[in-house]
N, C-alpha and C. Protein backbone atom coordinates (compact mmCIF):
# COMPACT_ATOMS: atom_id res chain seq x y z
N MET A 1 -137.14 -20.13 49.91
CA MET A 1 -136.67 -21.50 50.46
C MET A 1 -137.24 -22.38 49.03
N SER A 2 -136.88 -21.81 47.96
CA SER A 2 -137.16 -22.59 46.70
C SER A 2 -138.70 -22.73 46.01
N ASP A 3 -139.49 -22.41 46.71
CA ASP A 3 -141.31 -22.62 46.77
C ASP A 3 -141.27 -21.65 45.53
N TYR A 4 -141.24 -22.26 44.32
CA TYR A 4 -141.29 -21.09 43.30
C TYR A 4 -143.07 -20.92 42.63
N VAL A 5 -143.48 -22.12 43.17
CA VAL A 5 -145.09 -22.22 42.88
C VAL A 5 -145.65 -21.16 43.77
N GLN A 6 -145.47 -21.22 45.06
CA GLN A 6 -145.61 -20.09 45.87
C GLN A 6 -145.25 -18.68 45.58
N ALA A 7 -144.01 -18.55 45.33
CA ALA A 7 -143.03 -17.30 45.01
C ALA A 7 -144.02 -16.48 43.87
N ARG A 8 -144.41 -17.44 42.85
CA ARG A 8 -144.85 -16.93 41.60
C ARG A 8 -146.31 -16.26 41.63
N ALA A 9 -146.67 -16.96 42.37
CA ALA A 9 -148.47 -16.77 43.00
C ALA A 9 -148.22 -15.78 43.73
N ALA A 10 -147.73 -15.47 44.67
CA ALA A 10 -147.52 -13.99 45.31
C ALA A 10 -147.02 -13.29 44.60
N GLY A 11 -145.94 -12.83 43.51
CA GLY A 11 -145.69 -12.17 42.73
C GLY A 11 -146.81 -11.52 41.95
N ALA A 12 -147.66 -12.54 41.63
CA ALA A 12 -148.65 -12.24 40.30
C ALA A 12 -149.98 -11.46 41.45
N ARG A 13 -149.79 -11.89 42.48
CA ARG A 13 -151.30 -11.07 43.29
C ARG A 13 -150.60 -9.66 43.16
N ALA A 14 -149.49 -10.03 43.73
CA ALA A 14 -148.94 -8.18 44.10
C ALA A 14 -149.02 -7.66 43.01
N LEU A 15 -148.54 -8.08 41.46
CA LEU A 15 -148.58 -7.01 40.48
C LEU A 15 -149.87 -6.71 40.13
N ALA A 16 -151.06 -7.75 40.21
CA ALA A 16 -152.33 -7.60 39.88
C ALA A 16 -152.94 -6.17 40.77
N GLY A 17 -152.51 -6.61 42.16
CA GLY A 17 -152.71 -5.39 42.98
C GLY A 17 -152.20 -3.43 42.63
N ALA A 18 -150.85 -3.89 42.61
CA ALA A 18 -150.59 -2.59 41.91
C ALA A 18 -151.03 -2.26 40.65
N HIS A 19 -151.15 -3.06 39.53
CA HIS A 19 -151.57 -2.67 38.43
C HIS A 19 -153.25 -2.02 38.32
N ALA A 20 -153.72 -2.91 39.53
CA ALA A 20 -155.42 -1.85 39.81
C ALA A 20 -155.17 -0.84 40.29
N GLN A 21 -153.97 -0.03 41.30
CA GLN A 21 -154.11 1.14 41.97
C GLN A 21 -153.10 1.83 41.13
N ALA A 22 -152.88 1.04 39.66
CA ALA A 22 -151.70 2.10 38.78
C ALA A 22 -150.58 2.71 39.53
N ASN A 23 -150.10 1.86 40.34
CA ASN A 23 -148.67 2.23 41.03
C ASN A 23 -147.74 1.66 40.45
N HIS A 24 -147.22 2.41 39.68
CA HIS A 24 -146.24 2.19 38.71
C HIS A 24 -145.23 1.61 39.32
N LEU A 25 -144.59 2.44 40.56
CA LEU A 25 -143.44 2.03 41.18
C LEU A 25 -143.52 0.08 41.36
N ASP A 26 -144.53 0.16 42.24
CA ASP A 26 -144.89 -1.53 42.80
C ASP A 26 -144.96 -2.20 41.95
N GLU A 27 -145.56 -2.05 40.72
CA GLU A 27 -145.47 -2.64 39.18
C GLU A 27 -144.13 -3.25 38.70
N ALA A 28 -143.54 -2.14 38.65
CA ALA A 28 -142.04 -2.49 38.41
C ALA A 28 -141.19 -3.57 39.31
N ASN A 29 -141.40 -3.22 40.47
CA ASN A 29 -140.89 -4.06 41.41
C ASN A 29 -141.28 -5.43 41.60
N CYS A 30 -142.69 -5.74 41.50
CA CYS A 30 -143.27 -6.82 41.22
C CYS A 30 -142.41 -7.56 40.01
N LEU A 31 -142.23 -6.86 38.77
CA LEU A 31 -141.92 -7.34 37.54
C LEU A 31 -140.37 -8.02 37.61
N ALA A 32 -139.66 -7.15 38.62
CA ALA A 32 -138.53 -7.48 38.82
C ALA A 32 -138.07 -8.70 39.57
N GLN A 33 -139.14 -8.73 40.58
CA GLN A 33 -138.96 -10.11 41.63
C GLN A 33 -139.49 -11.24 40.56
N LEU A 34 -140.49 -11.24 39.87
CA LEU A 34 -141.00 -12.10 38.88
C LEU A 34 -139.95 -12.66 38.07
N GLY A 35 -139.10 -11.93 37.85
CA GLY A 35 -137.85 -12.13 36.83
C GLY A 35 -136.84 -12.70 37.49
N LEU A 36 -136.51 -12.42 38.51
CA LEU A 36 -135.34 -13.39 39.32
C LEU A 36 -135.97 -14.72 39.96
N ILE A 37 -137.14 -15.08 39.88
CA ILE A 37 -137.75 -16.15 40.25
C ILE A 37 -137.45 -17.06 39.06
N ALA A 38 -138.17 -16.35 37.69
CA ALA A 38 -138.05 -16.77 36.53
C ALA A 38 -136.12 -17.60 36.43
N CYS A 39 -135.48 -16.69 36.60
CA CYS A 39 -134.12 -16.77 36.27
C CYS A 39 -133.38 -18.32 37.61
N ARG A 40 -133.93 -18.22 38.82
CA ARG A 40 -133.83 -19.14 39.55
C ARG A 40 -133.92 -20.30 38.86
N GLN A 41 -135.30 -20.24 38.05
CA GLN A 41 -135.70 -21.86 37.70
C GLN A 41 -135.12 -21.67 36.05
N GLY A 42 -134.00 -21.08 35.81
CA GLY A 42 -133.25 -21.40 34.52
C GLY A 42 -133.89 -20.77 33.68
N ASP A 43 -135.22 -19.92 33.27
CA ASP A 43 -135.94 -19.20 32.61
C ASP A 43 -135.46 -17.93 31.97
N TYR A 44 -134.08 -17.91 31.20
CA TYR A 44 -133.85 -16.57 31.07
C TYR A 44 -134.41 -15.99 29.88
N VAL A 45 -134.76 -16.58 29.03
CA VAL A 45 -135.65 -15.75 28.29
C VAL A 45 -137.03 -14.96 28.45
N ARG A 46 -137.94 -15.55 29.26
CA ARG A 46 -139.00 -15.05 29.73
C ARG A 46 -138.98 -13.77 30.51
N PRO A 47 -137.96 -13.25 31.67
CA PRO A 47 -137.76 -12.28 32.21
C PRO A 47 -137.48 -11.11 31.65
N LYS A 48 -136.34 -11.11 30.36
CA LYS A 48 -135.76 -9.88 29.26
C LYS A 48 -137.16 -9.65 28.66
N ASN A 49 -137.81 -10.78 28.03
CA ASN A 49 -138.50 -10.46 26.86
C ASN A 49 -140.06 -9.63 27.82
N GLY A 50 -140.28 -9.98 29.26
CA GLY A 50 -141.65 -9.53 30.02
C GLY A 50 -141.05 -7.97 30.12
N THR A 51 -139.94 -7.85 30.23
CA THR A 51 -139.69 -6.56 30.54
C THR A 51 -139.74 -5.44 29.27
N ALA A 52 -139.05 -6.16 28.55
CA ALA A 52 -139.09 -5.29 27.18
C ALA A 52 -140.50 -5.45 26.64
N ARG A 53 -141.58 -6.06 26.79
CA ARG A 53 -142.81 -5.93 26.69
C ARG A 53 -143.42 -4.86 27.26
N ARG A 54 -142.93 -4.90 28.49
CA ARG A 54 -143.46 -3.75 29.36
C ARG A 54 -143.47 -2.32 29.56
N CYS A 55 -142.10 -2.04 29.28
CA CYS A 55 -141.12 -1.02 29.03
C CYS A 55 -142.04 -0.08 27.64
N SER A 56 -142.25 -1.13 26.29
CA SER A 56 -142.54 -0.63 25.00
C SER A 56 -144.00 -0.31 25.12
N SER A 57 -144.83 -0.74 26.18
CA SER A 57 -146.05 -0.78 25.85
C SER A 57 -146.38 0.47 27.17
N SER A 58 -145.45 0.60 27.73
CA SER A 58 -145.95 1.80 28.75
C SER A 58 -144.91 3.28 28.47
N PRO A 59 -144.71 3.85 27.11
CA PRO A 59 -143.37 4.63 27.50
C PRO A 59 -143.83 6.09 28.18
N ASN A 60 -144.92 6.58 28.16
CA ASN A 60 -145.42 7.53 29.04
C ASN A 60 -144.97 7.00 30.65
N LYS A 61 -144.68 6.23 31.21
CA LYS A 61 -144.48 5.78 32.60
C LYS A 61 -143.25 5.76 32.66
N LEU A 62 -142.17 5.84 31.61
CA LEU A 62 -140.80 5.48 32.45
C LEU A 62 -140.17 6.41 33.10
N PRO A 63 -140.22 7.84 32.33
CA PRO A 63 -140.14 9.19 33.26
C PRO A 63 -140.17 9.13 34.81
N ALA A 64 -141.55 8.56 35.05
CA ALA A 64 -141.93 8.59 36.60
C ALA A 64 -140.96 7.42 37.31
N LEU A 65 -140.72 6.23 36.17
CA LEU A 65 -139.61 5.24 37.30
C LEU A 65 -138.38 5.71 36.95
N ALA A 66 -138.06 6.29 36.09
CA ALA A 66 -136.86 6.63 36.06
C ALA A 66 -135.92 7.36 37.30
N LYS A 67 -136.91 8.10 37.90
CA LYS A 67 -136.58 8.81 39.27
C LYS A 67 -136.31 7.88 40.72
N LYS A 68 -136.97 6.73 40.20
CA LYS A 68 -136.88 5.76 41.56
C LYS A 68 -135.48 4.86 41.20
N ALA A 69 -134.74 5.22 41.56
CA ALA A 69 -133.42 4.66 41.42
C ALA A 69 -133.08 3.32 41.99
N SER A 70 -133.71 3.11 43.18
CA SER A 70 -133.88 1.53 43.89
C SER A 70 -134.26 0.35 42.79
N VAL A 71 -135.31 0.89 42.26
CA VAL A 71 -136.22 0.33 40.86
C VAL A 71 -135.43 -0.08 39.75
N ARG A 72 -134.56 0.94 39.27
CA ARG A 72 -133.71 0.66 38.31
C ARG A 72 -132.60 -0.36 38.39
N VAL A 73 -131.84 -0.03 39.81
CA VAL A 73 -131.02 -1.02 40.10
C VAL A 73 -131.43 -2.45 40.61
N ARG A 74 -132.39 -2.60 40.97
CA ARG A 74 -132.68 -3.91 40.73
C ARG A 74 -133.31 -4.27 39.10
N ALA A 75 -133.46 -3.54 38.40
CA ALA A 75 -133.70 -4.17 37.12
C ALA A 75 -132.57 -4.40 36.31
N LEU A 76 -131.62 -3.29 36.36
CA LEU A 76 -130.23 -3.54 35.90
C LEU A 76 -129.59 -4.67 36.49
N ASN A 77 -129.39 -5.08 37.73
CA ASN A 77 -128.81 -6.45 38.46
C ASN A 77 -129.76 -7.28 37.85
N GLY A 78 -131.18 -7.49 37.65
CA GLY A 78 -131.81 -8.62 37.48
C GLY A 78 -131.52 -9.06 36.18
N LEU A 79 -131.36 -7.87 35.19
CA LEU A 79 -131.38 -8.05 33.19
C LEU A 79 -129.50 -8.61 33.18
N GLY A 80 -128.48 -7.92 34.37
CA GLY A 80 -127.40 -8.39 33.98
C GLY A 80 -127.32 -9.56 34.19
N ILE A 81 -127.82 -10.52 35.46
CA ILE A 81 -127.74 -12.00 35.32
C ILE A 81 -128.08 -12.62 34.32
N VAL A 82 -129.29 -12.12 33.85
CA VAL A 82 -129.97 -13.24 32.38
C VAL A 82 -128.69 -12.91 31.13
N TYR A 83 -128.15 -11.92 31.29
CA TYR A 83 -126.96 -11.41 30.23
C TYR A 83 -125.89 -12.46 30.29
N ARG A 84 -125.47 -13.00 31.84
CA ARG A 84 -124.46 -13.48 32.15
C ARG A 84 -125.01 -15.01 31.82
N ASP A 85 -126.10 -15.31 32.37
CA ASP A 85 -126.45 -16.60 32.19
C ASP A 85 -126.53 -17.14 30.83
N GLN A 86 -126.69 -16.44 29.86
CA GLN A 86 -127.04 -16.64 28.55
C GLN A 86 -125.47 -16.62 27.93
N GLY A 87 -124.49 -15.95 28.49
CA GLY A 87 -123.13 -15.79 27.90
C GLY A 87 -123.36 -14.68 27.18
N SER A 88 -123.63 -13.66 27.16
CA SER A 88 -123.88 -12.15 27.27
C SER A 88 -122.61 -11.27 28.18
N PHE A 89 -121.65 -11.70 27.93
CA PHE A 89 -120.84 -11.09 29.45
C PHE A 89 -120.63 -9.59 29.35
N ASP A 90 -120.11 -8.90 28.04
CA ASP A 90 -120.12 -7.71 27.61
C ASP A 90 -121.52 -7.05 28.44
N GLU A 91 -122.65 -7.18 28.14
CA GLU A 91 -123.73 -7.11 27.97
C GLU A 91 -124.05 -6.68 29.99
N ALA A 92 -124.03 -8.00 30.31
CA ALA A 92 -123.83 -8.55 31.70
C ALA A 92 -123.02 -7.14 32.63
N ARG A 93 -121.74 -6.56 32.01
CA ARG A 93 -121.09 -6.21 33.18
C ARG A 93 -121.47 -4.75 32.49
N GLN A 94 -121.96 -4.32 31.77
CA GLN A 94 -123.04 -3.12 31.57
C GLN A 94 -123.59 -2.80 32.73
N CYS A 95 -124.45 -3.82 32.71
CA CYS A 95 -125.87 -3.52 33.37
C CYS A 95 -125.28 -3.60 34.91
N HIS A 96 -124.50 -4.36 35.59
CA HIS A 96 -123.77 -4.43 36.67
C HIS A 96 -122.84 -3.07 37.21
N GLU A 97 -122.58 -2.89 35.87
CA GLU A 97 -121.58 -1.31 36.22
C GLU A 97 -122.56 -0.29 36.55
N GLY A 98 -123.40 -0.25 35.82
CA GLY A 98 -124.47 0.84 35.50
C GLY A 98 -125.50 1.24 36.89
N ALA A 99 -125.75 -0.74 37.53
CA ALA A 99 -125.96 -0.49 38.80
C ALA A 99 -125.67 -0.08 39.90
N LEU A 100 -124.05 -0.33 39.82
CA LEU A 100 -123.48 0.55 40.99
C LEU A 100 -123.53 1.80 40.46
N VAL A 101 -123.06 2.34 39.90
CA VAL A 101 -122.83 3.40 39.52
C VAL A 101 -123.64 4.58 40.26
N LEU A 102 -124.97 3.76 39.74
CA LEU A 102 -126.67 4.06 40.01
C LEU A 102 -126.40 4.17 41.76
N SER A 103 -125.86 3.23 42.04
CA SER A 103 -126.36 2.77 43.35
C SER A 103 -125.41 4.18 44.74
N TRP A 104 -124.35 3.89 43.96
CA TRP A 104 -123.12 4.75 44.64
C TRP A 104 -123.85 6.39 44.83
N THR A 105 -124.21 6.67 43.59
CA THR A 105 -125.01 8.19 43.53
C THR A 105 -126.25 8.09 44.45
N SER A 106 -126.96 7.51 44.40
CA SER A 106 -128.36 7.24 45.23
C SER A 106 -128.07 7.05 46.83
N GLY A 107 -126.72 6.57 47.13
CA GLY A 107 -126.79 5.92 48.64
C GLY A 107 -127.56 4.52 48.68
N ASN A 108 -127.35 3.71 47.52
CA ASN A 108 -128.39 2.67 47.72
C ASN A 108 -127.11 1.06 48.11
N LEU A 109 -127.00 0.98 49.40
CA LEU A 109 -125.74 0.36 49.71
C LEU A 109 -125.98 -1.14 49.39
N LYS A 110 -127.16 -1.94 49.66
CA LYS A 110 -127.83 -3.22 49.10
C LYS A 110 -127.31 -3.25 47.98
N GLY A 111 -127.69 -2.14 47.17
CA GLY A 111 -127.80 -2.22 45.56
C GLY A 111 -126.72 -2.20 45.27
N GLU A 112 -125.39 -1.58 45.92
CA GLU A 112 -123.89 -1.34 46.07
C GLU A 112 -123.53 -2.84 45.97
N ALA A 113 -123.87 -3.45 47.39
CA ALA A 113 -123.37 -5.22 47.52
C ALA A 113 -123.73 -6.02 46.16
N GLU A 114 -125.05 -5.97 45.68
CA GLU A 114 -125.45 -6.41 44.81
C GLU A 114 -124.71 -6.70 43.64
N ALA A 115 -124.26 -5.23 43.17
CA ALA A 115 -123.73 -5.02 41.83
C ALA A 115 -122.36 -5.84 41.91
N LEU A 116 -121.70 -5.54 43.03
CA LEU A 116 -120.27 -5.74 43.16
C LEU A 116 -120.21 -7.51 43.25
N ASN A 117 -121.37 -8.07 43.68
CA ASN A 117 -121.30 -9.24 44.12
C ASN A 117 -121.66 -10.31 42.42
N ASN A 118 -122.33 -9.51 41.58
CA ASN A 118 -122.73 -9.93 40.29
C ASN A 118 -121.81 -9.48 39.46
N LEU A 119 -120.78 -8.74 39.64
CA LEU A 119 -119.38 -8.13 38.70
C LEU A 119 -118.57 -9.56 39.38
N GLY A 120 -118.70 -9.96 40.65
CA GLY A 120 -117.69 -10.87 40.52
C GLY A 120 -118.00 -12.16 40.04
N ALA A 121 -119.67 -12.38 40.28
CA ALA A 121 -120.10 -13.77 39.68
C ALA A 121 -120.04 -13.84 37.92
N THR A 122 -119.75 -12.53 37.58
CA THR A 122 -119.51 -12.54 35.82
C THR A 122 -118.29 -12.81 35.50
N ALA A 123 -117.57 -12.31 36.14
CA ALA A 123 -115.79 -12.75 36.08
C ALA A 123 -115.79 -14.13 36.26
N ALA A 124 -116.34 -14.95 37.35
CA ALA A 124 -115.92 -16.21 38.01
C ALA A 124 -116.25 -17.27 36.57
N THR A 125 -117.80 -16.77 35.85
CA THR A 125 -118.26 -17.35 34.80
C THR A 125 -117.22 -17.42 33.91
N GLN A 126 -116.53 -16.18 33.87
CA GLN A 126 -115.65 -16.66 32.55
C GLN A 126 -113.97 -16.85 33.21
N ARG A 127 -114.11 -17.65 34.22
CA ARG A 127 -113.10 -18.49 34.73
C ARG A 127 -111.57 -17.33 35.18
N ARG A 128 -112.35 -16.29 35.42
CA ARG A 128 -111.18 -15.07 36.12
C ARG A 128 -111.46 -14.97 37.33
N PHE A 129 -111.21 -16.08 37.94
CA PHE A 129 -111.20 -16.05 39.36
C PHE A 129 -110.43 -14.99 40.43
N PHE A 130 -109.48 -14.47 40.08
CA PHE A 130 -108.58 -13.92 40.97
C PHE A 130 -109.05 -12.16 40.66
N ASP A 131 -109.93 -11.82 38.96
CA ASP A 131 -110.83 -10.82 39.06
C ASP A 131 -111.78 -10.68 40.26
N ALA A 132 -112.86 -11.85 40.15
CA ALA A 132 -113.99 -12.32 41.24
C ALA A 132 -113.34 -12.03 42.86
N LEU A 133 -112.61 -12.23 42.96
CA LEU A 133 -112.21 -12.14 44.63
C LEU A 133 -112.45 -10.63 45.21
N PRO A 134 -111.93 -9.93 44.72
CA PRO A 134 -111.95 -8.32 44.86
C PRO A 134 -113.49 -7.80 45.07
N HIS A 135 -114.14 -8.11 44.09
CA HIS A 135 -116.04 -7.83 44.11
C HIS A 135 -116.58 -8.57 45.11
N TYR A 136 -116.11 -9.65 45.37
CA TYR A 136 -116.92 -10.24 46.13
C TYR A 136 -116.49 -10.25 47.71
N LYS A 137 -115.15 -9.68 47.96
CA LYS A 137 -114.48 -9.15 49.32
C LYS A 137 -115.66 -7.94 49.68
N GLU A 138 -115.49 -7.19 48.77
CA GLU A 138 -115.62 -5.57 48.89
C GLU A 138 -117.65 -5.76 49.04
N SER A 139 -118.18 -6.37 48.28
CA SER A 139 -119.81 -7.08 48.48
C SER A 139 -119.98 -7.51 49.60
N MET A 140 -119.10 -8.08 50.28
CA MET A 140 -119.47 -9.08 51.54
C MET A 140 -119.42 -8.09 52.32
N GLU A 141 -118.17 -7.19 52.69
CA GLU A 141 -118.29 -5.87 53.48
C GLU A 141 -119.31 -4.86 53.78
N ILE A 142 -119.86 -4.63 52.63
CA ILE A 142 -121.14 -3.96 52.64
C ILE A 142 -122.15 -4.48 53.26
N ASN A 143 -122.32 -6.23 52.55
CA ASN A 143 -123.38 -6.86 53.40
C ASN A 143 -123.52 -6.81 54.68
N ARG A 144 -122.24 -7.27 55.21
CA ARG A 144 -121.95 -7.22 56.65
C ARG A 144 -122.48 -5.81 57.38
N LEU A 145 -121.90 -4.59 56.91
CA LEU A 145 -122.22 -3.26 57.53
C LEU A 145 -123.56 -3.21 57.17
N ILE A 146 -124.51 -3.28 56.42
CA ILE A 146 -125.98 -3.15 56.48
C ILE A 146 -126.73 -4.32 57.34
N GLY A 147 -126.08 -5.14 57.69
CA GLY A 147 -126.86 -6.52 58.28
C GLY A 147 -127.56 -7.22 57.53
N ASP A 148 -126.92 -7.71 56.25
CA ASP A 148 -127.64 -8.35 55.35
C ASP A 148 -126.94 -9.71 55.66
N ARG A 149 -127.46 -10.95 56.56
CA ARG A 149 -126.86 -12.26 56.22
C ARG A 149 -126.86 -13.00 55.17
N VAL A 150 -128.37 -12.88 54.38
CA VAL A 150 -128.25 -13.58 53.36
C VAL A 150 -127.19 -13.42 52.29
N GLY A 151 -127.08 -11.77 51.90
CA GLY A 151 -126.42 -11.47 51.05
C GLY A 151 -124.70 -11.78 51.46
N GLU A 152 -124.55 -11.61 52.64
CA GLU A 152 -123.17 -11.89 53.30
C GLU A 152 -122.81 -13.31 52.96
N GLY A 153 -123.97 -14.53 53.23
CA GLY A 153 -123.58 -15.76 53.24
C GLY A 153 -123.31 -16.02 51.27
N ASN A 154 -123.99 -15.24 50.66
CA ASN A 154 -123.81 -15.57 49.11
C ASN A 154 -122.56 -15.13 48.95
N CYS A 155 -121.76 -14.53 49.35
CA CYS A 155 -120.24 -13.68 49.20
C CYS A 155 -119.48 -14.60 49.58
N TRP A 156 -119.82 -15.25 51.05
CA TRP A 156 -119.00 -16.26 51.31
C TRP A 156 -118.70 -17.30 50.27
N GLY A 157 -119.72 -18.06 49.81
CA GLY A 157 -119.97 -19.24 49.09
C GLY A 157 -119.42 -18.86 47.92
N ASN A 158 -119.41 -17.70 47.19
CA ASN A 158 -118.56 -17.16 45.88
C ASN A 158 -117.55 -17.18 46.07
N LEU A 159 -116.84 -16.71 47.46
CA LEU A 159 -115.46 -16.72 47.87
C LEU A 159 -114.85 -17.85 47.98
N ALA A 160 -115.49 -18.51 48.58
CA ALA A 160 -114.97 -20.32 48.61
C ALA A 160 -115.09 -20.91 47.12
N HIS A 161 -116.04 -20.14 46.40
CA HIS A 161 -115.77 -21.36 44.86
C HIS A 161 -114.44 -20.69 44.44
N SER A 162 -113.98 -19.26 44.22
CA SER A 162 -113.02 -18.85 43.74
C SER A 162 -111.94 -19.15 44.42
N TYR A 163 -111.58 -18.99 45.64
CA TYR A 163 -110.39 -19.63 46.42
C TYR A 163 -110.16 -21.11 45.75
N LEU A 164 -111.27 -21.96 45.73
CA LEU A 164 -111.00 -23.40 45.33
C LEU A 164 -110.25 -23.60 43.83
N MET A 165 -111.12 -22.53 42.87
CA MET A 165 -110.55 -22.59 41.94
C MET A 165 -109.26 -21.93 41.65
N THR A 166 -108.68 -21.37 42.38
CA THR A 166 -107.47 -20.97 42.46
C THR A 166 -106.43 -21.42 43.19
N GLY A 167 -106.77 -22.46 44.11
CA GLY A 167 -106.04 -23.53 44.64
C GLY A 167 -105.47 -23.20 46.21
N ASN A 168 -106.43 -22.09 46.33
CA ASN A 168 -106.09 -21.42 47.73
C ASN A 168 -107.19 -22.51 48.54
N TYR A 169 -106.82 -23.57 48.91
CA TYR A 169 -107.77 -24.57 49.67
C TYR A 169 -107.94 -24.19 51.04
N GLY A 170 -107.30 -23.49 51.82
CA GLY A 170 -107.00 -23.08 53.22
C GLY A 170 -107.95 -21.89 53.62
N GLN A 171 -107.96 -21.08 52.27
CA GLN A 171 -109.26 -20.02 52.33
C GLN A 171 -110.60 -20.51 51.93
N ALA A 172 -110.46 -21.40 50.79
CA ALA A 172 -112.03 -21.90 50.65
C ALA A 172 -112.49 -22.77 51.48
N LEU A 173 -111.95 -23.49 52.28
CA LEU A 173 -112.37 -24.35 53.83
C LEU A 173 -113.13 -23.00 54.69
N VAL A 174 -112.53 -21.93 54.91
CA VAL A 174 -113.07 -21.21 55.96
C VAL A 174 -114.21 -20.57 55.07
N SER A 175 -114.19 -20.14 53.87
CA SER A 175 -115.15 -19.34 53.34
C SER A 175 -116.72 -20.76 53.47
N PHE A 176 -116.20 -21.61 52.85
CA PHE A 176 -117.56 -22.89 52.94
C PHE A 176 -117.71 -23.02 54.14
N GLN A 177 -117.29 -22.70 55.02
CA GLN A 177 -117.75 -22.87 56.64
C GLN A 177 -118.61 -21.75 56.99
N GLU A 178 -118.13 -20.71 56.79
CA GLU A 178 -118.85 -19.08 57.12
C GLU A 178 -119.92 -19.33 55.92
N ALA A 179 -119.71 -19.57 55.01
CA ALA A 179 -121.34 -19.72 53.90
C ALA A 179 -122.30 -20.21 54.72
N LEU A 180 -121.90 -21.73 55.01
CA LEU A 180 -122.79 -22.96 55.54
C LEU A 180 -123.43 -22.49 56.68
N HIS A 181 -122.47 -21.98 57.66
CA HIS A 181 -123.11 -21.41 58.91
C HIS A 181 -123.98 -20.12 59.03
N ILE A 182 -123.95 -19.49 58.10
CA ILE A 182 -124.91 -18.29 57.74
C ILE A 182 -126.19 -18.83 57.17
N HIS A 183 -126.06 -19.56 56.28
CA HIS A 183 -127.56 -20.21 55.49
C HIS A 183 -128.15 -21.02 56.44
N GLN A 184 -127.59 -21.77 57.19
CA GLN A 184 -128.48 -22.60 58.17
C GLN A 184 -129.03 -21.77 59.08
N SER A 185 -128.41 -20.77 59.59
CA SER A 185 -128.73 -20.16 60.69
C SER A 185 -130.28 -18.88 60.16
N VAL A 186 -129.95 -18.95 59.06
CA VAL A 186 -130.83 -17.89 58.30
C VAL A 186 -131.99 -18.76 57.83
N GLY A 187 -131.88 -19.87 57.70
CA GLY A 187 -132.58 -20.96 56.93
C GLY A 187 -132.94 -21.00 55.32
N ASN A 188 -132.01 -20.62 54.85
CA ASN A 188 -131.65 -20.46 53.58
C ASN A 188 -131.45 -21.81 52.97
N ARG A 189 -132.28 -22.25 52.47
CA ARG A 189 -132.17 -23.83 51.97
C ARG A 189 -131.54 -24.04 50.78
N TRP A 190 -131.78 -23.01 49.74
CA TRP A 190 -131.38 -23.33 48.57
C TRP A 190 -130.03 -22.94 48.30
N ASN A 191 -129.37 -21.67 49.08
CA ASN A 191 -127.89 -22.10 48.93
C ASN A 191 -127.23 -22.82 50.01
N GLU A 192 -127.84 -23.22 50.90
CA GLU A 192 -127.64 -24.41 51.89
C GLU A 192 -127.05 -25.67 50.94
N ILE A 193 -127.77 -25.93 49.91
CA ILE A 193 -127.61 -26.91 49.29
C ILE A 193 -126.37 -26.74 48.10
N ASN A 194 -126.45 -25.10 47.82
CA ASN A 194 -125.33 -24.81 46.81
C ASN A 194 -123.84 -25.26 47.36
N ILE A 195 -123.68 -24.63 48.83
CA ILE A 195 -122.66 -24.63 49.74
C ILE A 195 -122.44 -25.93 49.99
N LEU A 196 -123.09 -26.65 50.34
CA LEU A 196 -122.83 -28.47 50.04
C LEU A 196 -122.27 -29.02 49.27
N GLN A 197 -122.83 -28.85 47.72
CA GLN A 197 -122.17 -29.27 46.91
C GLN A 197 -120.75 -28.82 46.35
N GLY A 198 -120.85 -27.46 46.50
CA GLY A 198 -119.27 -27.16 46.49
C GLY A 198 -118.61 -27.60 47.86
N TRP A 199 -118.68 -27.91 49.00
CA TRP A 199 -118.33 -28.63 49.57
C TRP A 199 -117.49 -30.35 49.06
N VAL A 200 -118.46 -30.63 48.56
CA VAL A 200 -118.25 -31.81 48.01
C VAL A 200 -116.99 -31.96 46.89
N ALA A 201 -117.01 -30.87 45.91
CA ALA A 201 -116.28 -30.73 45.31
C ALA A 201 -114.95 -30.45 46.00
N PHE A 202 -114.56 -29.78 47.18
CA PHE A 202 -113.66 -29.31 47.71
C PHE A 202 -112.67 -30.22 48.33
N THR A 203 -114.01 -31.54 49.03
CA THR A 203 -113.11 -32.32 49.63
C THR A 203 -112.60 -33.24 48.81
N ARG A 204 -113.19 -33.33 47.76
CA ARG A 204 -112.37 -34.09 46.11
C ARG A 204 -111.08 -33.79 45.71
N ASN A 205 -111.12 -32.53 46.40
CA ASN A 205 -109.84 -31.92 46.02
C ASN A 205 -108.68 -32.24 47.12
């Protein structure tokens, strides 16, 4: 809901609890979530540096974490977002492709959908909108299959933007409407605002 103060506080409490219990899997999950919160606020340096410090300070814990594919997928997807927003597109693709392969081999459909959506976003950021479309479509189908309404809404919004940028205004309108309906139905105000901003851009065309 874009309440970052509460989100950070909850993440910090969870991280402290996991650390006190020496639960390294939960620690990694908390760090990944805190990294995503920082990314949402435009802080692309802190999450990557924090991850590097955490890993370098605890090398004996890495083998145990490496066995937990879902944590690795989340971390790879998160790092890929950081690289993308810093303009390091090759590194971003490598992270998301790694997350995609690991999701395939571990049967992690949610991670697969996120990796595909992130690959689409990386292509779109480079203004390769036609390349982005199949990634978004495949991600949307997986999200629909697993019942992830937020993920499905995100894909509709991303499709709308790419359709708009390729001049396919009919598909852009349908996608905007689908995205807005889903985000309003689940109370996702962050993405509802993003979709409405995209809608303004659409009406200007």
